[in-house]
């Protein structure tokens, strides 16, 4: 460990209540809603469709995503304020408003048309993605596994963060500044600060489906 590493650990360390991993919780989530027009969401030249922030210089999709209940589902459970469909966040109108208030440049949304089982229109929901990727994790002051694997196409080694096991993460506050939500270049996990968590808590017990895990010990 270098002198700079020791100095980094002295001035920065994982702090409880400051930063969190945020995402849908795993309790009572939806399992019976699907996007029924996935083929219409593929831009010409692409082999598949992507989260709404994939192309920042164009609309999220060529068509509006169509949500509907899976016809084979035995029960029809409405999505929560934060859920996931096809691996992409699905957020309610009220959660979208909170996200936009706290960090308007951190998120992108794509409105969905939601049809209920009886054919009527369901509550407004949006596919959501976090736009900001910033290298803000202080590796020297954190406890985590840093791994490398060889890229199949380029042959180069690619770094990624493994959060298997107990982790204690510290972030560079001078790099994050006023940013409240972000990813790192080396992990797909979404992080947020205490301001976004507080804003969701202030909304009261009405919000459901969100999980915040403290990065100081998770």
C-alpha atoms as a PDB file:
ATOM      1  CA  UNK A   1       0.000   0.000   0.000  1.00  0.00           C
ATOM      2  CA  UNK A   2       1.469   3.372  -0.998  1.00  0.00           C
ATOM      3  CA  UNK A   3       1.582   6.526   1.085  1.00  0.00           C
ATOM      4  CA  UNK A   4      -1.172   7.957  -1.069  1.00  0.00           C
ATOM      5  CA  UNK A   5      -3.294   4.891  -0.341  1.00  0.00           C
ATOM      6  CA  UNK A   6      -2.850   5.344   3.395  1.00  0.00           C
ATOM      7  CA  UNK A   7      -3.698   9.044   3.106  1.00  0.00           C
ATOM      8  CA  UNK A   8      -6.840   8.196   1.095  1.00  0.00           C
ATOM      9  CA  UNK A   9      -8.015   5.796   3.791  1.00  0.00           C
ATOM     10  CA  UNK A  10      -7.384   8.398   6.480  1.00  0.00           C
ATOM     11  CA  UNK A  11      -9.447  11.124   4.855  1.00  0.00           C
ATOM     12  CA  UNK A  12     -12.157   8.933   3.347  1.00  0.00           C
ATOM     13  CA  UNK A  13     -13.925   5.839   4.609  1.00  0.00           C
ATOM     14  CA  UNK A  14     -17.310   4.161   4.271  1.00  0.00           C
ATOM     15  CA  UNK A  15     -19.849   6.250   6.170  1.00  0.00           C
ATOM     16  CA  UNK A  16     -23.240   4.936   7.199  1.00  0.00           C
ATOM     17  CA  UNK A  17     -26.276   6.822   5.981  1.00  0.00           C
ATOM     18  CA  UNK A  18     -24.520   8.590   3.098  1.00  0.00           C
ATOM     19  CA  UNK A  19     -24.790   6.383  -0.009  1.00  0.00           C
ATOM     20  CA  UNK A  20     -27.038   3.482  -0.911  1.00  0.00           C
ATOM     21  CA  UNK A  21     -27.632   0.793  -3.486  1.00  0.00           C
ATOM     22  CA  UNK A  22     -31.150   1.441  -4.770  1.00  0.00           C
ATOM     23  CA  UNK A  23     -33.467  -0.803  -6.754  1.00  0.00           C
ATOM     24  CA  UNK A  24     -36.663  -2.859  -6.612  1.00  0.00           C
ATOM     25  CA  UNK A  25     -36.920  -5.059  -3.543  1.00  0.00           C
ATOM     26  CA  UNK A  26     -37.420  -8.781  -3.941  1.00  0.00           C
ATOM     27  CA  UNK A  27     -40.595  -9.096  -1.889  1.00  0.00           C
ATOM     28  CA  UNK A  28     -43.998  -9.149  -3.539  1.00  0.00           C
ATOM     29  CA  UNK A  29     -42.849  -7.877  -6.913  1.00  0.00           C
ATOM     30  CA  UNK A  30     -44.790  -8.337 -10.099  1.00  0.00           C
ATOM     31  CA  UNK A  31     -44.384 -11.465 -12.124  1.00  0.00           C
ATOM     32  CA  UNK A  32     -47.327 -11.218 -14.456  1.00  0.00           C
ATOM     33  CA  UNK A  33     -46.817  -8.049 -16.526  1.00  0.00           C
ATOM     34  CA  UNK A  34     -45.051  -8.029 -19.856  1.00  0.00           C
ATOM     35  CA  UNK A  35     -44.179  -5.681 -22.703  1.00  0.00           C
ATOM     36  CA  UNK A  36     -46.243  -7.002 -25.574  1.00  0.00           C
ATOM     37  CA  UNK A  37     -44.729  -4.972 -28.433  1.00  0.00           C
ATOM     38  CA  UNK A  38     -40.983  -5.515 -27.920  1.00  0.00           C
ATOM     39  CA  UNK A  39     -40.397  -5.911 -31.659  1.00  0.00           C
ATOM     40  CA  UNK A  40     -41.770  -2.407 -32.239  1.00  0.00           C
ATOM     41  CA  UNK A  41     -39.243  -0.954 -29.790  1.00  0.00           C
ATOM     42  CA  UNK A  42     -36.204  -1.973 -31.847  1.00  0.00           C
ATOM     43  CA  UNK A  43     -34.551   0.794 -33.829  1.00  0.00           C
ATOM     44  CA  UNK A  44     -33.639  -0.081 -37.453  1.00  0.00           C
ATOM     45  CA  UNK A  45     -30.227  -1.711 -37.593  1.00  0.00           C
ATOM     46  CA  UNK A  46     -30.385  -3.049 -34.035  1.00  0.00           C
ATOM     47  CA  UNK A  47     -30.853  -6.706 -33.143  1.00  0.00           C
ATOM     48  CA  UNK A  48     -32.694  -6.000 -29.906  1.00  0.00           C
ATOM     49  CA  UNK A  49     -34.233  -3.204 -27.845  1.00  0.00           C
ATOM     50  CA  UNK A  50     -32.462  -1.359 -25.057  1.00  0.00           C
ATOM     51  CA  UNK A  51     -33.254   0.608 -21.894  1.00  0.00           C
ATOM     52  CA  UNK A  52     -34.662   4.066 -22.658  1.00  0.00           C
ATOM     53  CA  UNK A  53     -31.378   5.929 -22.184  1.00  0.00           C
ATOM     54  CA  UNK A  54     -29.371   3.895 -24.681  1.00  0.00           C
ATOM     55  CA  UNK A  55     -29.593   6.534 -27.434  1.00  0.00           C
ATOM     56  CA  UNK A  56     -29.381   9.994 -25.842  1.00  0.00           C
ATOM     57  CA  UNK A  57     -29.788  11.768 -29.180  1.00  0.00           C
ATOM     58  CA  UNK A  58     -33.134  10.262 -30.187  1.00  0.00           C
ATOM     59  CA  UNK A  59     -36.488   9.291 -28.642  1.00  0.00           C
ATOM     60  CA  UNK A  60     -36.289   6.285 -26.370  1.00  0.00           C
ATOM     61  CA  UNK A  61     -38.207   4.016 -28.767  1.00  0.00           C
ATOM     62  CA  UNK A  62     -39.812   4.129 -32.219  1.00  0.00           C
ATOM     63  CA  UNK A  63     -43.156   3.278 -30.547  1.00  0.00           C
ATOM     64  CA  UNK A  64     -44.720   3.568 -27.102  1.00  0.00           C
ATOM     65  CA  UNK A  65     -44.090   0.486 -24.927  1.00  0.00           C
ATOM     66  CA  UNK A  66     -47.313  -1.473 -24.365  1.00  0.00           C
ATOM     67  CA  UNK A  67     -47.735  -3.081 -20.946  1.00  0.00           C
ATOM     68  CA  UNK A  68     -50.294  -5.817 -20.373  1.00  0.00           C
ATOM     69  CA  UNK A  69     -50.937  -8.656 -17.964  1.00  0.00           C
ATOM     70  CA  UNK A  70     -49.575 -12.030 -18.920  1.00  0.00           C
ATOM     71  CA  UNK A  71     -52.563 -14.031 -20.142  1.00  0.00           C
ATOM     72  CA  UNK A  72     -51.295 -17.146 -18.344  1.00  0.00           C
ATOM     73  CA  UNK A  73     -50.993 -15.422 -14.956  1.00  0.00           C
ATOM     74  CA  UNK A  74     -53.317 -16.780 -12.298  1.00  0.00           C
ATOM     75  CA  UNK A  75     -53.397 -13.456 -10.462  1.00  0.00           C
ATOM     76  CA  UNK A  76     -53.145  -9.907 -11.729  1.00  0.00           C
ATOM     77  CA  UNK A  77     -51.053  -7.769  -9.409  1.00  0.00           C
ATOM     78  CA  UNK A  78     -50.530  -4.099 -10.236  1.00  0.00           C
ATOM     79  CA  UNK A  79     -46.910  -2.942 -10.415  1.00  0.00           C
ATOM     80  CA  UNK A  80     -45.494  -1.160  -7.409  1.00  0.00           C
ATOM     81  CA  UNK A  81     -43.915   2.288  -7.414  1.00  0.00           C
ATOM     82  CA  UNK A  82     -40.640   0.623  -8.377  1.00  0.00           C
ATOM     83  CA  UNK A  83     -40.590  -2.693 -10.184  1.00  0.00           C
ATOM     84  CA  UNK A  84     -38.761  -4.199 -13.127  1.00  0.00           C
ATOM     85  CA  UNK A  85     -39.960  -5.597 -16.424  1.00  0.00           C
ATOM     86  CA  UNK A  86     -37.538  -7.343 -18.793  1.00  0.00           C
ATOM     87  CA  UNK A  87     -34.756  -6.178 -16.463  1.00  0.00           C
ATOM     88  CA  UNK A  88     -35.645  -2.469 -16.827  1.00  0.00           C
ATOM     89  CA  UNK A  89     -36.975  -0.296 -14.030  1.00  0.00           C
ATOM     90  CA  UNK A  90     -40.697   0.411 -14.149  1.00  0.00           C
ATOM     91  CA  UNK A  91     -41.728   3.433 -12.071  1.00  0.00           C
ATOM     92  CA  UNK A  92     -45.034   4.997 -11.113  1.00  0.00           C
ATOM     93  CA  UNK A  93     -46.038   8.583 -11.819  1.00  0.00           C
ATOM     94  CA  UNK A  94     -45.460   9.659  -8.228  1.00  0.00           C
ATOM     95  CA  UNK A  95     -41.999   8.095  -8.051  1.00  0.00           C
ATOM     96  CA  UNK A  96     -41.094   9.657 -11.394  1.00  0.00           C
ATOM     97  CA  UNK A  97     -41.962  13.073  -9.948  1.00  0.00           C
ATOM     98  CA  UNK A  98     -39.687  12.476  -6.952  1.00  0.00           C
ATOM     99  CA  UNK A  99     -36.804  11.358  -9.165  1.00  0.00           C
ATOM    100  CA  UNK A 100     -37.217  14.399 -11.404  1.00  0.00           C
ATOM    101  CA  UNK A 101     -37.378  16.764  -8.439  1.00  0.00           C
ATOM    102  CA  UNK A 102     -34.236  15.443  -6.748  1.00  0.00           C
ATOM    103  CA  UNK A 103     -32.056  14.823  -9.808  1.00  0.00           C
ATOM    104  CA  UNK A 104     -33.716  15.854 -13.097  1.00  0.00           C
ATOM    105  CA  UNK A 105     -30.641  15.090 -15.208  1.00  0.00           C
ATOM    106  CA  UNK A 106     -29.970  11.705 -13.639  1.00  0.00           C
ATOM    107  CA  UNK A 107     -32.896   9.781 -15.119  1.00  0.00           C
ATOM    108  CA  UNK A 108     -34.627   9.164 -18.418  1.00  0.00           C
ATOM    109  CA  UNK A 109     -38.220   7.969 -18.753  1.00  0.00           C
ATOM    110  CA  UNK A 110     -40.348   6.384 -21.457  1.00  0.00           C
ATOM    111  CA  UNK A 111     -44.107   6.543 -20.922  1.00  0.00           C
ATOM    112  CA  UNK A 112     -45.956   3.234 -21.271  1.00  0.00           C
ATOM    113  CA  UNK A 113     -49.480   2.414 -22.347  1.00  0.00           C
ATOM    114  CA  UNK A 114     -50.847   0.006 -19.742  1.00  0.00           C
ATOM    115  CA  UNK A 115     -53.890  -2.159 -20.460  1.00  0.00           C
ATOM    116  CA  UNK A 116     -55.590  -3.922 -17.553  1.00  0.00           C
ATOM    117  CA  UNK A 117     -57.083  -7.410 -17.733  1.00  0.00           C
ATOM    118  CA  UNK A 118     -60.572  -6.007 -18.359  1.00  0.00           C
ATOM    119  CA  UNK A 119     -59.322  -3.896 -21.261  1.00  0.00           C
ATOM    120  CA  UNK A 120     -59.399  -0.587 -19.388  1.00  0.00           C
ATOM    121  CA  UNK A 121     -56.419   1.754 -19.085  1.00  0.00           C
ATOM    122  CA  UNK A 122     -54.120   1.142 -16.125  1.00  0.00           C
ATOM    123  CA  UNK A 123     -52.242   3.679 -13.986  1.00  0.00           C
ATOM    124  CA  UNK A 124     -49.481   5.587 -15.729  1.00  0.00           C
ATOM    125  CA  UNK A 125     -46.069   3.950 -15.525  1.00  0.00           C
ATOM    126  CA  UNK A 126     -42.708   4.605 -17.167  1.00  0.00           C
ATOM    127  CA  UNK A 127     -39.709   2.580 -18.162  1.00  0.00           C
ATOM    128  CA  UNK A 128     -36.793   4.257 -16.396  1.00  0.00           C
ATOM    129  CA  UNK A 129     -33.030   4.245 -16.699  1.00  0.00           C
ATOM    130  CA  UNK A 130     -30.218   6.010 -14.841  1.00  0.00           C
ATOM    131  CA  UNK A 131     -28.226   8.112 -17.295  1.00  0.00           C
ATOM    132  CA  UNK A 132     -25.213   9.115 -15.225  1.00  0.00           C
ATOM    133  CA  UNK A 133     -22.086   6.955 -15.093  1.00  0.00           C
ATOM    134  CA  UNK A 134     -19.234   8.361 -13.060  1.00  0.00           C
ATOM    135  CA  UNK A 135     -16.032   6.838 -11.673  1.00  0.00           C
ATOM    136  CA  UNK A 136     -16.612   7.903  -8.094  1.00  0.00           C
ATOM    137  CA  UNK A 137     -15.905   4.825  -5.984  1.00  0.00           C
ATOM    138  CA  UNK A 138     -12.811   5.235  -3.808  1.00  0.00           C
ATOM    139  CA  UNK A 139     -11.204   1.834  -4.315  1.00  0.00           C
ATOM    140  CA  UNK A 140      -8.407   2.444  -1.794  1.00  0.00           C
ATOM    141  CA  UNK A 141     -10.817   3.304   1.015  1.00  0.00           C
ATOM    142  CA  UNK A 142     -13.338   0.564   0.158  1.00  0.00           C
ATOM    143  CA  UNK A 143     -13.562  -3.141   0.868  1.00  0.00           C
ATOM    144  CA  UNK A 144     -14.745  -5.053  -2.229  1.00  0.00           C
ATOM    145  CA  UNK A 145     -13.550  -7.496  -4.858  1.00  0.00           C
ATOM    146  CA  UNK A 146     -12.082  -6.001  -8.035  1.00  0.00           C
ATOM    147  CA  UNK A 147     -11.883  -8.536 -10.834  1.00  0.00           C
ATOM    148  CA  UNK A 148     -10.695  -8.633 -14.432  1.00  0.00           C
ATOM    149  CA  UNK A 149     -11.882 -10.670 -17.371  1.00  0.00           C
ATOM    150  CA  UNK A 150     -10.781 -10.742 -20.985  1.00  0.00           C
ATOM    151  CA  UNK A 151     -13.060  -9.041 -23.512  1.00  0.00           C
ATOM    152  CA  UNK A 152     -14.077 -11.595 -26.135  1.00  0.00           C
ATOM    153  CA  UNK A 153     -13.937  -9.109 -29.011  1.00  0.00           C
ATOM    154  CA  UNK A 154     -10.875  -6.996 -28.186  1.00  0.00           C
ATOM    155  CA  UNK A 155      -8.851  -9.438 -26.098  1.00  0.00           C
ATOM    156  CA  UNK A 156      -8.219  -6.686 -23.546  1.00  0.00           C
ATOM    157  CA  UNK A 157      -8.693  -7.128 -19.815  1.00  0.00           C
ATOM    158  CA  UNK A 158     -11.816  -5.433 -18.490  1.00  0.00           C
ATOM    159  CA  UNK A 159     -12.193  -4.407 -14.853  1.00  0.00           C
ATOM    160  CA  UNK A 160     -15.426  -4.939 -12.955  1.00  0.00           C
ATOM    161  CA  UNK A 161     -16.584  -4.731  -9.368  1.00  0.00           C
ATOM    162  CA  UNK A 162     -17.852  -7.861  -7.625  1.00  0.00           C
ATOM    163  CA  UNK A 163     -20.177  -7.231  -4.696  1.00  0.00           C
ATOM    164  CA  UNK A 164     -20.369 -10.863  -3.631  1.00  0.00           C
ATOM    165  CA  UNK A 165     -19.868 -11.156   0.114  1.00  0.00           C
ATOM    166  CA  UNK A 166     -19.711  -8.289   2.565  1.00  0.00           C
ATOM    167  CA  UNK A 167     -18.680  -4.956   1.065  1.00  0.00           C
ATOM    168  CA  UNK A 168     -17.867  -1.571   2.548  1.00  0.00           C
ATOM    169  CA  UNK A 169     -17.858   1.174  -0.053  1.00  0.00           C
ATOM    170  CA  UNK A 170     -16.490   4.706   0.128  1.00  0.00           C
ATOM    171  CA  UNK A 171     -17.152   7.336  -2.525  1.00  0.00           C
ATOM    172  CA  UNK A 172     -15.261  10.403  -3.675  1.00  0.00           C
ATOM    173  CA  UNK A 173     -17.558  13.193  -2.571  1.00  0.00           C
ATOM    174  CA  UNK A 174     -15.568  15.800  -4.475  1.00  0.00           C
ATOM    175  CA  UNK A 175     -16.209  13.864  -7.699  1.00  0.00           C
ATOM    176  CA  UNK A 176     -19.912  13.332  -7.038  1.00  0.00           C
ATOM    177  CA  UNK A 177     -20.619  16.921  -6.021  1.00  0.00           C
ATOM    178  CA  UNK A 178     -24.362  17.539  -6.245  1.00  0.00           C
ATOM    179  CA  UNK A 179     -25.121  14.321  -8.141  1.00  0.00           C
ATOM    180  CA  UNK A 180     -27.731  12.234  -6.336  1.00  0.00           C
ATOM    181  CA  UNK A 181     -27.949   9.093  -8.500  1.00  0.00           C
ATOM    182  CA  UNK A 182     -25.290   7.338 -10.573  1.00  0.00           C
ATOM    183  CA  UNK A 183     -23.691   4.133 -11.770  1.00  0.00           C
ATOM    184  CA  UNK A 184     -19.977   3.372 -11.934  1.00  0.00           C
ATOM    185  CA  UNK A 185     -18.216   2.295 -15.159  1.00  0.00           C
ATOM    186  CA  UNK A 186     -17.416  -1.065 -13.560  1.00  0.00           C
ATOM    187  CA  UNK A 187     -20.819  -2.224 -12.342  1.00  0.00           C
ATOM    188  CA  UNK A 188     -24.429  -2.028 -13.462  1.00  0.00           C
ATOM    189  CA  UNK A 189     -25.681  -1.375  -9.914  1.00  0.00           C
ATOM    190  CA  UNK A 190     -27.446   1.928  -9.259  1.00  0.00           C
ATOM    191  CA  UNK A 191     -26.236   4.051  -6.348  1.00  0.00           C
ATOM    192  CA  UNK A 192     -27.848   7.085  -4.755  1.00  0.00           C
ATOM    193  CA  UNK A 193     -27.107   9.461  -1.918  1.00  0.00           C
ATOM    194  CA  UNK A 194     -29.095  10.143   1.243  1.00  0.00           C
ATOM    195  CA  UNK A 195     -30.966  13.041  -0.381  1.00  0.00           C
ATOM    196  CA  UNK A 196     -32.821  10.747  -2.789  1.00  0.00           C
ATOM    197  CA  UNK A 197     -33.559   8.282  -0.011  1.00  0.00           C
ATOM    198  CA  UNK A 198     -34.902  11.050   2.242  1.00  0.00           C
ATOM    199  CA  UNK A 199     -37.107  12.377  -0.559  1.00  0.00           C
ATOM    200  CA  UNK A 200     -38.659   8.928  -0.972  1.00  0.00           C
ATOM    201  CA  UNK A 201     -39.125   8.594   2.794  1.00  0.00           C
ATOM    202  CA  UNK A 202     -40.747  12.017   3.069  1.00  0.00           C
ATOM    203  CA  UNK A 203     -43.325  10.824   0.555  1.00  0.00           C
ATOM    204  CA  UNK A 204     -44.576   8.638   3.398  1.00  0.00           C
ATOM    205  CA  UNK A 205     -45.548   5.008   3.514  1.00  0.00           C
ATOM    206  CA  UNK A 206     -47.341   5.289   0.209  1.00  0.00           C
ATOM    207  CA  UNK A 207     -44.303   4.366  -1.883  1.00  0.00           C
ATOM    208  CA  UNK A 208     -43.643   0.675  -2.252  1.00  0.00           C
ATOM    209  CA  UNK A 209     -41.185  -1.587  -4.004  1.00  0.00           C
ATOM    210  CA  UNK A 210     -38.025   0.432  -3.227  1.00  0.00           C
ATOM    211  CA  UNK A 211     -35.040  -1.008  -1.438  1.00  0.00           C
ATOM    212  CA  UNK A 212     -32.122   1.038  -0.114  1.00  0.00           C
ATOM    213  CA  UNK A 213     -29.033  -0.819   1.106  1.00  0.00           C
ATOM    214  CA  UNK A 214     -26.366   1.197   2.893  1.00  0.00           C
ATOM    215  CA  UNK A 215     -23.099   0.942   0.965  1.00  0.00           C
ATOM    216  CA  UNK A 216     -21.070   1.300   4.137  1.00  0.00           C
ATOM    217  CA  UNK A 217     -21.970  -2.317   4.935  1.00  0.00           C
ATOM    218  CA  UNK A 218     -23.968  -4.423   2.503  1.00  0.00           C
END
